[in-house]
Amino acid sequence: MNVTDDVSGADVVVINGEADLEEIRDRAPAAVLLLAGERLEERCRQAYETTLFPCARIIGTAEPAEAATSVLFECDDEHDVVAMAGGEFGPRRARLGRGGIREVL
């Protein structure tokens, strides 16, 4: 996937499939990444290692629209996500808000 200028400065970037993570890192350095689709643990780990974003801003989810709403509007809602805890990405329940994961439950 080619990253367009639309990503520049984005608060949230939804990635469903392959993406140029380095370009996303450079164009949207403060974004929360919401990864959707298959192999979420693997893709979250790759995003974490490539972008060097804080782990709270890399979230795997089956429901990216709901997760994006929670992040953008600071809903502090609970979601089933793939997130890092204990140094590994895996299925977790977490509260999402501005800046990504607020709390892993």
PDB file of N, CA and C in Angstrom:
ATOM      1  N   MET A   1       0.842  -1.175   0.000  1.00  0.00           N
ATOM      2  CA  MET A   1       0.000   0.000   0.000  1.00  0.00           C
ATOM      3  C   MET A   1       0.882   1.232   0.000  1.00  0.00           C
ATOM      4  N   ASN A   2       0.582   2.155  -0.851  1.00  0.00           N
ATOM      5  CA  ASN A   2       1.261   3.438  -0.841  1.00  0.00           C
ATOM      6  C   ASN A   2       0.559   4.358   0.141  1.00  0.00           C
ATOM      7  N   VAL A   3       1.327   5.060   0.920  1.00  0.00           N
ATOM      8  CA  VAL A   3       0.763   5.996   1.882  1.00  0.00           C
ATOM      9  C   VAL A   3       0.600   7.334   1.171  1.00  0.00           C
ATOM     10  N   THR A   4      -0.574   7.899   1.275  1.00  0.00           N
ATOM     11  CA  THR A   4      -0.833   9.171   0.616  1.00  0.00           C
ATOM     12  C   THR A   4      -0.651  10.319   1.593  1.00  0.00           C
ATOM     13  N   ASP A   5      -0.718  11.530   1.070  1.00  0.00           N
ATOM     14  CA  ASP A   5      -0.619  12.715   1.911  1.00  0.00           C
ATOM     15  C   ASP A   5      -1.755  12.789   2.932  1.00  0.00           C
ATOM     16  N   ASP A   6      -2.854  12.042   2.700  1.00  0.00           N
ATOM     17  CA  ASP A   6      -3.980  12.049   3.632  1.00  0.00           C
ATOM     18  C   ASP A   6      -3.578  11.557   5.017  1.00  0.00           C
ATOM     19  N   VAL A   7      -2.531  10.780   5.115  1.00  0.00           N
ATOM     20  CA  VAL A   7      -2.080  10.232   6.389  1.00  0.00           C
ATOM     21  C   VAL A   7      -1.289  11.267   7.189  1.00  0.00           C
ATOM     22  N   SER A   8      -0.708  12.227   6.526  1.00  0.00           N
ATOM     23  CA  SER A   8       0.148  13.208   7.199  1.00  0.00           C
ATOM     24  C   SER A   8      -0.578  13.878   8.359  1.00  0.00           C
ATOM     25  N   GLY A   9      -0.002  13.749   9.542  1.00  0.00           N
ATOM     26  CA  GLY A   9      -0.549  14.377  10.735  1.00  0.00           C
ATOM     27  C   GLY A   9      -1.765  13.691  11.323  1.00  0.00           C
ATOM     28  N   ALA A  10      -2.123  12.508  10.838  1.00  0.00           N
ATOM     29  CA  ALA A  10      -3.317  11.809  11.322  1.00  0.00           C
ATOM     30  C   ALA A  10      -3.194  11.447  12.796  1.00  0.00           C
ATOM     31  N   ASP A  11      -4.320  11.470  13.495  1.00  0.00           N
ATOM     32  CA  ASP A  11      -4.377  11.034  14.892  1.00  0.00           C
ATOM     33  C   ASP A  11      -4.504   9.520  14.989  1.00  0.00           C
ATOM     34  N   VAL A  12      -5.205   8.924  14.014  1.00  0.00           N
ATOM     35  CA  VAL A  12      -5.433   7.484  13.977  1.00  0.00           C
ATOM     36  C   VAL A  12      -5.222   7.016  12.542  1.00  0.00           C
ATOM     37  N   VAL A  13      -4.506   5.905  12.383  1.00  0.00           N
ATOM     38  CA  VAL A  13      -4.324   5.282  11.071  1.00  0.00           C
ATOM     39  C   VAL A  13      -4.811   3.846  11.187  1.00  0.00           C
ATOM     40  N   VAL A  14      -5.790   3.483  10.357  1.00  0.00           N
ATOM     41  CA  VAL A  14      -6.303   2.117  10.322  1.00  0.00           C
ATOM     42  C   VAL A  14      -5.589   1.388   9.195  1.00  0.00           C
ATOM     43  N   ILE A  15      -5.018   0.233   9.518  1.00  0.00           N
ATOM     44  CA  ILE A  15      -4.274  -0.557   8.541  1.00  0.00           C
ATOM     45  C   ILE A  15      -4.942  -1.916   8.425  1.00  0.00           C
ATOM     46  N   ASN A  16      -5.488  -2.179   7.255  1.00  0.00           N
ATOM     47  CA  ASN A  16      -6.107  -3.471   6.978  1.00  0.00           C
ATOM     48  C   ASN A  16      -5.362  -4.072   5.800  1.00  0.00           C
ATOM     49  N   GLY A  17      -4.354  -4.858   6.081  1.00  0.00           N
ATOM     50  CA  GLY A  17      -3.515  -5.412   5.029  1.00  0.00           C
ATOM     51  C   GLY A  17      -2.104  -4.872   5.141  1.00  0.00           C
ATOM     52  N   GLU A  18      -1.400  -4.922   4.039  1.00  0.00           N
ATOM     53  CA  GLU A  18      -0.012  -4.463   4.021  1.00  0.00           C
ATOM     54  C   GLU A  18       0.048  -2.946   3.933  1.00  0.00           C
ATOM     55  N   ALA A  19       1.072  -2.353   4.533  1.00  0.00           N
ATOM     56  CA  ALA A  19       1.247  -0.905   4.497  1.00  0.00           C
ATOM     57  C   ALA A  19       2.722  -0.575   4.647  1.00  0.00           C
ATOM     58  N   ASP A  20       3.095   0.581   4.171  1.00  0.00           N
ATOM     59  CA  ASP A  20       4.459   1.076   4.326  1.00  0.00           C
ATOM     60  C   ASP A  20       4.571   1.709   5.710  1.00  0.00           C
ATOM     61  N   LEU A  21       4.968   0.908   6.683  1.00  0.00           N
ATOM     62  CA  LEU A  21       5.006   1.365   8.069  1.00  0.00           C
ATOM     63  C   LEU A  21       6.022   2.481   8.287  1.00  0.00           C
ATOM     64  N   GLU A  22       7.118   2.451   7.563  1.00  0.00           N
ATOM     65  CA  GLU A  22       8.116   3.514   7.713  1.00  0.00           C
ATOM     66  C   GLU A  22       7.565   4.848   7.248  1.00  0.00           C
ATOM     67  N   GLU A  23       6.805   4.828   6.164  1.00  0.00           N
ATOM     68  CA  GLU A  23       6.218   6.076   5.676  1.00  0.00           C
ATOM     69  C   GLU A  23       5.135   6.580   6.630  1.00  0.00           C
ATOM     70  N   ILE A  24       4.350   5.669   7.190  1.00  0.00           N
ATOM     71  CA  ILE A  24       3.354   6.070   8.190  1.00  0.00           C
ATOM     72  C   ILE A  24       4.063   6.685   9.390  1.00  0.00           C
ATOM     73  N   ARG A  25       5.142   6.048   9.840  1.00  0.00           N
ATOM     74  CA  ARG A  25       5.930   6.583  10.964  1.00  0.00           C
ATOM     75  C   ARG A  25       6.394   8.005  10.671  1.00  0.00           C
ATOM     76  N   ASP A  26       6.873   8.237   9.459  1.00  0.00           N
ATOM     77  CA  ASP A  26       7.411   9.546   9.107  1.00  0.00           C
ATOM     78  C   ASP A  26       6.324  10.598   8.878  1.00  0.00           C
ATOM     79  N   ARG A  27       5.179  10.196   8.337  1.00  0.00           N
ATOM     80  CA  ARG A  27       4.107  11.148   8.017  1.00  0.00           C
ATOM     81  C   ARG A  27       3.138  11.389   9.173  1.00  0.00           C
ATOM     82  N   ALA A  28       3.004  10.429  10.056  1.00  0.00           N
ATOM     83  CA  ALA A  28       2.056  10.544  11.166  1.00  0.00           C
ATOM     84  C   ALA A  28       2.716  10.059  12.450  1.00  0.00           C
ATOM     85  N   PRO A  29       3.751  10.758  12.915  1.00  0.00           N
ATOM     86  CA  PRO A  29       4.546  10.252  14.036  1.00  0.00           C
ATOM     87  C   PRO A  29       3.823  10.200  15.382  1.00  0.00           C
ATOM     88  N   ALA A  30       2.691  10.845  15.510  1.00  0.00           N
ATOM     89  CA  ALA A  30       1.945  10.824  16.774  1.00  0.00           C
ATOM     90  C   ALA A  30       0.682   9.972  16.690  1.00  0.00           C
ATOM     91  N   ALA A  31       0.499   9.242  15.595  1.00  0.00           N
ATOM     92  CA  ALA A  31      -0.738   8.493  15.363  1.00  0.00           C
ATOM     93  C   ALA A  31      -0.837   7.241  16.221  1.00  0.00           C
ATOM     94  N   VAL A  32      -2.074   6.853  16.491  1.00  0.00           N
ATOM     95  CA  VAL A  32      -2.388   5.546  17.043  1.00  0.00           C
ATOM     96  C   VAL A  32      -2.621   4.635  15.839  1.00  0.00           C
ATOM     97  N   LEU A  33      -1.966   3.483  15.801  1.00  0.00           N
ATOM     98  CA  LEU A  33      -2.141   2.535  14.708  1.00  0.00           C
ATOM     99  C   LEU A  33      -3.150   1.479  15.116  1.00  0.00           C
ATOM    100  N   LEU A  34      -4.201   1.345  14.326  1.00  0.00           N
ATOM    101  CA  LEU A  34      -5.205   0.301  14.528  1.00  0.00           C
ATOM    102  C   LEU A  34      -5.042  -0.699  13.397  1.00  0.00           C
ATOM    103  N   LEU A  35      -4.602  -1.893  13.736  1.00  0.00           N
ATOM    104  CA  LEU A  35      -4.392  -2.935  12.737  1.00  0.00           C
ATOM    105  C   LEU A  35      -5.585  -3.879  12.758  1.00  0.00           C
ATOM    106  N   ALA A  36      -6.123  -4.147  11.570  1.00  0.00           N
ATOM    107  CA  ALA A  36      -7.267  -5.042  11.438  1.00  0.00           C
ATOM    108  C   ALA A  36      -6.897  -6.148  10.466  1.00  0.00           C
ATOM    109  N   GLY A  37      -7.631  -7.237  10.512  1.00  0.00           N
ATOM    110  CA  GLY A  37      -7.386  -8.332   9.584  1.00  0.00           C
ATOM    111  C   GLY A  37      -6.833  -9.555  10.287  1.00  0.00           C
ATOM    112  N   GLU A  38      -6.027 -10.305   9.566  1.00  0.00           N
ATOM    113  CA  GLU A  38      -5.489 -11.571  10.069  1.00  0.00           C
ATOM    114  C   GLU A  38      -4.102 -11.393  10.667  1.00  0.00           C
ATOM    115  N   ARG A  39      -3.665 -12.390  11.417  1.00  0.00           N
ATOM    116  CA  ARG A  39      -2.320 -12.445  12.016  1.00  0.00           C
ATOM    117  C   ARG A  39      -1.998 -11.179  12.823  1.00  0.00           C
ATOM    118  N   LEU A  40      -2.919 -10.772  13.674  1.00  0.00           N
ATOM    119  CA  LEU A  40      -2.763  -9.492  14.374  1.00  0.00           C
ATOM    120  C   LEU A  40      -1.553  -9.440  15.291  1.00  0.00           C
ATOM    121  N   GLU A  41      -1.260 -10.518  16.013  1.00  0.00           N
ATOM    122  CA  GLU A  41      -0.091 -10.486  16.899  1.00  0.00           C
ATOM    123  C   GLU A  41       1.189 -10.230  16.105  1.00  0.00           C
ATOM    124  N   GLU A  42       1.336 -10.943  15.010  1.00  0.00           N
ATOM    125  CA  GLU A  42       2.519 -10.803  14.166  1.00  0.00           C
ATOM    126  C   GLU A  42       2.600  -9.401  13.557  1.00  0.00           C
ATOM    127  N   ARG A  43       1.474  -8.903  13.073  1.00  0.00           N
ATOM    128  CA  ARG A  43       1.462  -7.590  12.438  1.00  0.00           C
ATOM    129  C   ARG A  43       1.683  -6.472  13.455  1.00  0.00           C
ATOM    130  N   CYS A  44       1.159  -6.626  14.671  1.00  0.00           N
ATOM    131  CA  CYS A  44       1.406  -5.630  15.720  1.00  0.00           C
ATOM    132  C   CYS A  44       2.889  -5.595  16.086  1.00  0.00           C
ATOM    133  N   ARG A  45       3.498  -6.761  16.219  1.00  0.00           N
ATOM    134  CA  ARG A  45       4.926  -6.841  16.528  1.00  0.00           C
ATOM    135  C   ARG A  45       5.738  -6.159  15.423  1.00  0.00           C
ATOM    136  N   GLN A  46       5.397  -6.415  14.177  1.00  0.00           N
ATOM    137  CA  GLN A  46       6.104  -5.797  13.053  1.00  0.00           C
ATOM    138  C   GLN A  46       5.931  -4.274  13.088  1.00  0.00           C
ATOM    139  N   ALA A  47       4.733  -3.800  13.357  1.00  0.00           N
ATOM    140  CA  ALA A  47       4.485  -2.354  13.433  1.00  0.00           C
ATOM    141  C   ALA A  47       5.286  -1.739  14.576  1.00  0.00           C
ATOM    142  N   TYR A  48       5.330  -2.421  15.697  1.00  0.00           N
ATOM    143  CA  TYR A  48       6.074  -1.942  16.863  1.00  0.00           C
ATOM    144  C   TYR A  48       7.567  -1.835  16.550  1.00  0.00           C
ATOM    145  N   GLU A  49       8.119  -2.865  15.941  1.00  0.00           N
ATOM    146  CA  GLU A  49       9.546  -2.884  15.634  1.00  0.00           C
ATOM    147  C   GLU A  49       9.921  -1.911  14.521  1.00  0.00           C
ATOM    148  N   THR A  50       9.035  -1.697  13.567  1.00  0.00           N
ATOM    149  CA  THR A  50       9.328  -0.822  12.434  1.00  0.00           C
ATOM    150  C   THR A  50       9.152   0.649  12.779  1.00  0.00           C
ATOM    151  N   THR A  51       8.057   0.972  13.475  1.00  0.00           N
ATOM    152  CA  THR A  51       7.763   2.386  13.757  1.00  0.00           C
ATOM    153  C   THR A  51       8.452   2.889  15.010  1.00  0.00           C
ATOM    154  N   LEU A  52       8.740   1.985  15.950  1.00  0.00           N
ATOM    155  CA  LEU A  52       9.264   2.342  17.268  1.00  0.00           C
ATOM    156  C   LEU A  52       8.288   3.212  18.058  1.00  0.00           C
ATOM    157  N   PHE A  53       6.992   3.146  17.706  1.00  0.00           N
ATOM    158  CA  PHE A  53       5.954   3.842  18.469  1.00  0.00           C
ATOM    159  C   PHE A  53       5.816   3.169  19.834  1.00  0.00           C
ATOM    160  N   PRO A  54       5.372   3.919  20.841  1.00  0.00           N
ATOM    161  CA  PRO A  54       5.070   3.289  22.132  1.00  0.00           C
ATOM    162  C   PRO A  54       4.023   2.187  21.946  1.00  0.00           C
ATOM    163  N   CYS A  55       4.145   1.116  22.708  1.00  0.00           N
ATOM    164  CA  CYS A  55       3.236  -0.020  22.534  1.00  0.00           C
ATOM    165  C   CYS A  55       1.777   0.358  22.760  1.00  0.00           C
ATOM    166  N   ALA A  56       1.493   1.383  23.536  1.00  0.00           N
ATOM    167  CA  ALA A  56       0.110   1.801  23.772  1.00  0.00           C
ATOM    168  C   ALA A  56      -0.547   2.368  22.515  1.00  0.00           C
ATOM    169  N   ARG A  57       0.255   2.720  21.514  1.00  0.00           N
ATOM    170  CA  ARG A  57      -0.291   3.286  20.277  1.00  0.00           C
ATOM    171  C   ARG A  57      -0.356   2.279  19.142  1.00  0.00           C
ATOM    172  N   ILE A  58      -0.136   1.000  19.442  1.00  0.00           N
ATOM    173  CA  ILE A  58      -0.245  -0.057  18.434  1.00  0.00           C
ATOM    174  C   ILE A  58      -1.268  -1.058  18.934  1.00  0.00           C
ATOM    175  N   ILE A  59      -2.405  -1.129  18.219  1.00  0.00           N
ATOM    176  CA  ILE A  59      -3.547  -1.904  18.688  1.00  0.00           C
ATOM    177  C   ILE A  59      -4.078  -2.762  17.549  1.00  0.00           C
ATOM    178  N   GLY A  60      -4.204  -4.051  17.785  1.00  0.00           N
ATOM    179  CA  GLY A  60      -4.869  -4.944  16.849  1.00  0.00           C
ATOM    180  C   GLY A  60      -6.327  -5.049  17.248  1.00  0.00           C
ATOM    181  N   THR A  61      -7.226  -4.991  16.269  1.00  0.00           N
ATOM    182  CA  THR A  61      -8.645  -5.033  16.596  1.00  0.00           C
ATOM    183  C   THR A  61      -9.477  -5.606  15.459  1.00  0.00           C
ATOM    184  N   ALA A  62     -10.530  -6.320  15.807  1.00  0.00           N
ATOM    185  CA  ALA A  62     -11.485  -6.816  14.824  1.00  0.00           C
ATOM    186  C   ALA A  62     -12.530  -5.746  14.514  1.00  0.00           C
ATOM    187  N   GLU A  63     -12.562  -4.688  15.315  1.00  0.00           N
ATOM    188  CA  GLU A  63     -13.561  -3.624  15.162  1.00  0.00           C
ATOM    189  C   GLU A  63     -12.876  -2.263  15.112  1.00  0.00           C
ATOM    190  N   PRO A  64     -12.188  -1.952  13.996  1.00  0.00           N
ATOM    191  CA  PRO A  64     -11.423  -0.700  13.938  1.00  0.00           C
ATOM    192  C   PRO A  64     -12.269   0.564  14.042  1.00  0.00           C
ATOM    193  N   ALA A  65     -13.497   0.551  13.543  1.00  0.00           N
ATOM    194  CA  ALA A  65     -14.331   1.758  13.618  1.00  0.00           C
ATOM    195  C   ALA A  65     -14.658   2.099  15.070  1.00  0.00           C
ATOM    196  N   GLU A  66     -15.025   1.089  15.850  1.00  0.00           N
ATOM    197  CA  GLU A  66     -15.349   1.322  17.256  1.00  0.00           C
ATOM    198  C   GLU A  66     -14.108   1.747  18.036  1.00  0.00           C
ATOM    199  N   ALA A  67     -12.980   1.115  17.746  1.00  0.00           N
ATOM    200  CA  ALA A  67     -11.735   1.479  18.428  1.00  0.00           C
ATOM    201  C   ALA A  67     -11.333   2.905  18.078  1.00  0.00           C
ATOM    202  N   ALA A  68     -11.459   3.283  16.812  1.00  0.00           N
ATOM    203  CA  ALA A  68     -11.118   4.652  16.398  1.00  0.00           C
ATOM    204  C   ALA A  68     -12.012   5.673  17.091  1.00  0.00           C
ATOM    205  N   THR A  69     -13.284   5.364  17.231  1.00  0.00           N
ATOM    206  CA  THR A  69     -14.200   6.263  17.931  1.00  0.00           C
ATOM    207  C   THR A  69     -13.764   6.450  19.376  1.00  0.00           C
ATOM    208  N   SER A  70     -13.385   5.376  20.044  1.00  0.00           N
ATOM    209  CA  SER A  70     -12.936   5.461  21.432  1.00  0.00           C
ATOM    210  C   SER A  70     -11.683   6.310  21.566  1.00  0.00           C
ATOM    211  N   VAL A  71     -10.755   6.161  20.615  1.00  0.00           N
ATOM    212  CA  VAL A  71      -9.516   6.929  20.663  1.00  0.00           C
ATOM    213  C   VAL A  71      -9.784   8.403  20.362  1.00  0.00           C
ATOM    214  N   LEU A  72     -10.496   8.675  19.291  1.00  0.00           N
ATOM    215  CA  LEU A  72     -10.700  10.059  18.853  1.00  0.00           C
ATOM    216  C   LEU A  72     -11.563  10.872  19.802  1.00  0.00           C
ATOM    217  N   PHE A  73     -12.567  10.223  20.400  1.00  0.00           N
ATOM    218  CA  PHE A  73     -13.496  10.951  21.262  1.00  0.00           C
ATOM    219  C   PHE A  73     -13.272  10.691  22.743  1.00  0.00           C
ATOM    220  N   GLU A  74     -12.118  10.095  23.080  1.00  0.00           N
ATOM    221  CA  GLU A  74     -11.732   9.846  24.464  1.00  0.00           C
ATOM    222  C   GLU A  74     -12.837   9.169  25.266  1.00  0.00           C
ATOM    223  N   CYS A  75     -13.409   8.122  24.686  1.00  0.00           N
ATOM    224  CA  CYS A  75     -14.539   7.440  25.318  1.00  0.00           C
ATOM    225  C   CYS A  75     -14.139   6.600  26.524  1.00  0.00           C
ATOM    226  N   ASP A  76     -12.876   6.177  26.588  1.00  0.00           N
ATOM    227  CA  ASP A  76     -12.396   5.328  27.675  1.00  0.00           C
ATOM    228  C   ASP A  76     -13.185   4.017  27.743  1.00  0.00           C
ATOM    229  N   ASP A  77     -13.652   3.545  26.576  1.00  0.00           N
ATOM    230  CA  ASP A  77     -14.411   2.303  26.486  1.00  0.00           C
ATOM    231  C   ASP A  77     -13.485   1.090  26.565  1.00  0.00           C
ATOM    232  N   GLU A  78     -14.067  -0.058  26.928  1.00  0.00           N
ATOM    233  CA  GLU A  78     -13.329  -1.319  26.947  1.00  0.00           C
ATOM    234  C   GLU A  78     -13.511  -2.041  25.613  1.00  0.00           C
ATOM    235  N   HIS A  79     -12.415  -2.642  25.115  1.00  0.00           N
ATOM    236  CA  HIS A  79     -12.435  -3.363  23.847  1.00  0.00           C
ATOM    237  C   HIS A  79     -11.591  -4.627  23.971  1.00  0.00           C
ATOM    238  N   ASP A  80     -11.949  -5.643  23.181  1.00  0.00           N
ATOM    239  CA  ASP A  80     -11.095  -6.811  23.021  1.00  0.00           C
ATOM    240  C   ASP A  80     -10.107  -6.472  21.914  1.00  0.00           C
ATOM    241  N   VAL A  81      -8.831  -6.494  22.247  1.00  0.00           N
ATOM    242  CA  VAL A  81      -7.789  -6.066  21.314  1.00  0.00           C
ATOM    243  C   VAL A  81      -6.593  -7.006  21.370  1.00  0.00           C
ATOM    244  N   VAL A  82      -5.667  -6.795  20.461  1.00  0.00           N
ATOM    245  CA  VAL A  82      -4.338  -7.388  20.555  1.00  0.00           C
ATOM    246  C   VAL A  82      -3.430  -6.251  20.988  1.00  0.00           C
ATOM    247  N   ALA A  83      -2.787  -6.422  22.129  1.00  0.00           N
ATOM    248  CA  ALA A  83      -1.954  -5.364  22.695  1.00  0.00           C
ATOM    249  C   ALA A  83      -0.753  -5.994  23.390  1.00  0.00           C
ATOM    250  N   MET A  84       0.228  -5.152  23.686  1.00  0.00           N
ATOM    251  CA  MET A  84       1.416  -5.653  24.365  1.00  0.00           C
ATOM    252  C   MET A  84       1.216  -5.600  25.875  1.00  0.00           C
ATOM    253  N   ALA A  85       1.606  -6.684  26.510  1.00  0.00           N
ATOM    254  CA  ALA A  85       1.681  -6.760  27.969  1.00  0.00           C
ATOM    255  C   ALA A  85       2.739  -7.807  28.282  1.00  0.00           C
ATOM    256  N   GLY A  86       3.608  -7.511  29.203  1.00  0.00           N
ATOM    257  CA  GLY A  86       4.672  -8.439  29.543  1.00  0.00           C
ATOM    258  C   GLY A  86       5.646  -8.679  28.397  1.00  0.00           C
ATOM    259  N   GLY A  87       5.784  -7.690  27.522  1.00  0.00           N
ATOM    260  CA  GLY A  87       6.729  -7.794  26.422  1.00  0.00           C
ATOM    261  C   GLY A  87       6.237  -8.560  25.207  1.00  0.00           C
ATOM    262  N   GLU A  88       4.997  -9.027  25.213  1.00  0.00           N
ATOM    263  CA  GLU A  88       4.448  -9.797  24.098  1.00  0.00           C
ATOM    264  C   GLU A  88       3.086  -9.253  23.685  1.00  0.00           C
ATOM    265  N   PHE A  89       2.833  -9.279  22.385  1.00  0.00           N
ATOM    266  CA  PHE A  89       1.502  -8.941  21.884  1.00  0.00           C
ATOM    267  C   PHE A  89       0.614 -10.164  21.971  1.00  0.00           C
ATOM    268  N   GLY A  90      -0.613  -9.976  22.446  1.00  0.00           N
ATOM    269  CA  GLY A  90      -1.572 -11.062  22.540  1.00  0.00           C
ATOM    270  C   GLY A  90      -2.954 -10.506  22.802  1.00  0.00           C
ATOM    271  N   PRO A  91      -3.967 -11.372  22.808  1.00  0.00           N
ATOM    272  CA  PRO A  91      -5.339 -10.937  23.061  1.00  0.00           C
ATOM    273  C   PRO A  91      -5.471 -10.389  24.482  1.00  0.00           C
ATOM    274  N   ARG A  92      -6.093  -9.247  24.600  1.00  0.00           N
ATOM    275  CA  ARG A  92      -6.280  -8.602  25.895  1.00  0.00           C
ATOM    276  C   ARG A  92      -7.608  -7.844  25.882  1.00  0.00           C
ATOM    277  N   ARG A  93      -8.049  -7.472  27.037  1.00  0.00           N
ATOM    278  CA  ARG A  93      -9.162  -6.532  27.198  1.00  0.00           C
ATOM    279  C   ARG A  93      -8.510  -5.236  27.642  1.00  0.00           C
ATOM    280  N   ALA A  94      -8.871  -4.118  27.014  1.00  0.00           N
ATOM    281  CA  ALA A  94      -8.206  -2.855  27.330  1.00  0.00           C
ATOM    282  C   ALA A  94      -9.173  -1.683  27.204  1.00  0.00           C
ATOM    283  N   ARG A  95      -8.866  -0.638  27.957  1.00  0.00           N
ATOM    284  CA  ARG A  95      -9.581   0.637  27.824  1.00  0.00           C
ATOM    285  C   ARG A  95      -8.816   1.477  26.813  1.00  0.00           C
ATOM    286  N   LEU A  96      -9.574   2.037  25.873  1.00  0.00           N
ATOM    287  CA  LEU A  96      -8.972   2.892  24.854  1.00  0.00           C
ATOM    288  C   LEU A  96      -9.429   4.324  25.040  1.00  0.00           C
ATOM    289  N   GLY A  97      -8.544   5.240  24.747  1.00  0.00           N
ATOM    290  CA  GLY A  97      -8.851   6.663  24.802  1.00  0.00           C
ATOM    291  C   GLY A  97      -7.803   7.422  24.030  1.00  0.00           C
ATOM    292  N   ARG A  98      -7.751   8.706  24.249  1.00  0.00           N
ATOM    293  CA  ARG A  98      -6.775   9.539  23.548  1.00  0.00           C
ATOM    294  C   ARG A  98      -5.378   8.968  23.775  1.00  0.00           C
ATOM    295  N   GLY A  99      -4.634   8.771  22.741  1.00  0.00           N
ATOM    296  CA  GLY A  99      -3.289   8.234  22.858  1.00  0.00           C
ATOM    297  C   GLY A  99      -3.230   6.722  22.775  1.00  0.00           C
ATOM    298  N   GLY A 100      -4.373   6.050  22.593  1.00  0.00           N
ATOM    299  CA  GLY A 100      -4.364   4.602  22.433  1.00  0.00           C
ATOM    300  C   GLY A 100      -4.854   3.854  23.650  1.00  0.00           C
ATOM    301  N   ILE A 101      -4.054   2.904  24.116  1.00  0.00           N
ATOM    302  CA  ILE A 101      -4.449   2.080  25.261  1.00  0.00           C
ATOM    303  C   ILE A 101      -4.200   2.853  26.544  1.00  0.00           C
ATOM    304  N   ARG A 102      -5.265   3.018  27.310  1.00  0.00           N
ATOM    305  CA  ARG A 102      -5.132   3.684  28.610  1.00  0.00           C
ATOM    306  C   ARG A 102      -4.833   2.673  29.709  1.00  0.00           C
ATOM    307  N   GLU A 103      -5.428   1.474  29.572  1.00  0.00           N
ATOM    308  CA  GLU A 103      -5.245   0.478  30.625  1.00  0.00           C
ATOM    309  C   GLU A 103      -5.508  -0.906  30.049  1.00  0.00           C
ATOM    310  N   VAL A 104      -4.607  -1.851  30.309  1.00  0.00           N
ATOM    311  CA  VAL A 104      -4.840  -3.244  29.971  1.00  0.00           C
ATOM    312  C   VAL A 104      -5.506  -3.868  31.178  1.00  0.00           C
ATOM    313  N   LEU A 105      -6.646  -4.496  30.965  1.00  0.00           N
ATOM    314  CA  LEU A 105      -7.452  -5.041  32.076  1.00  0.00           C
ATOM    315  C   LEU A 105      -7.137  -6.501  32.327  1.00  0.00           C
TER     316      LEU A 105
END
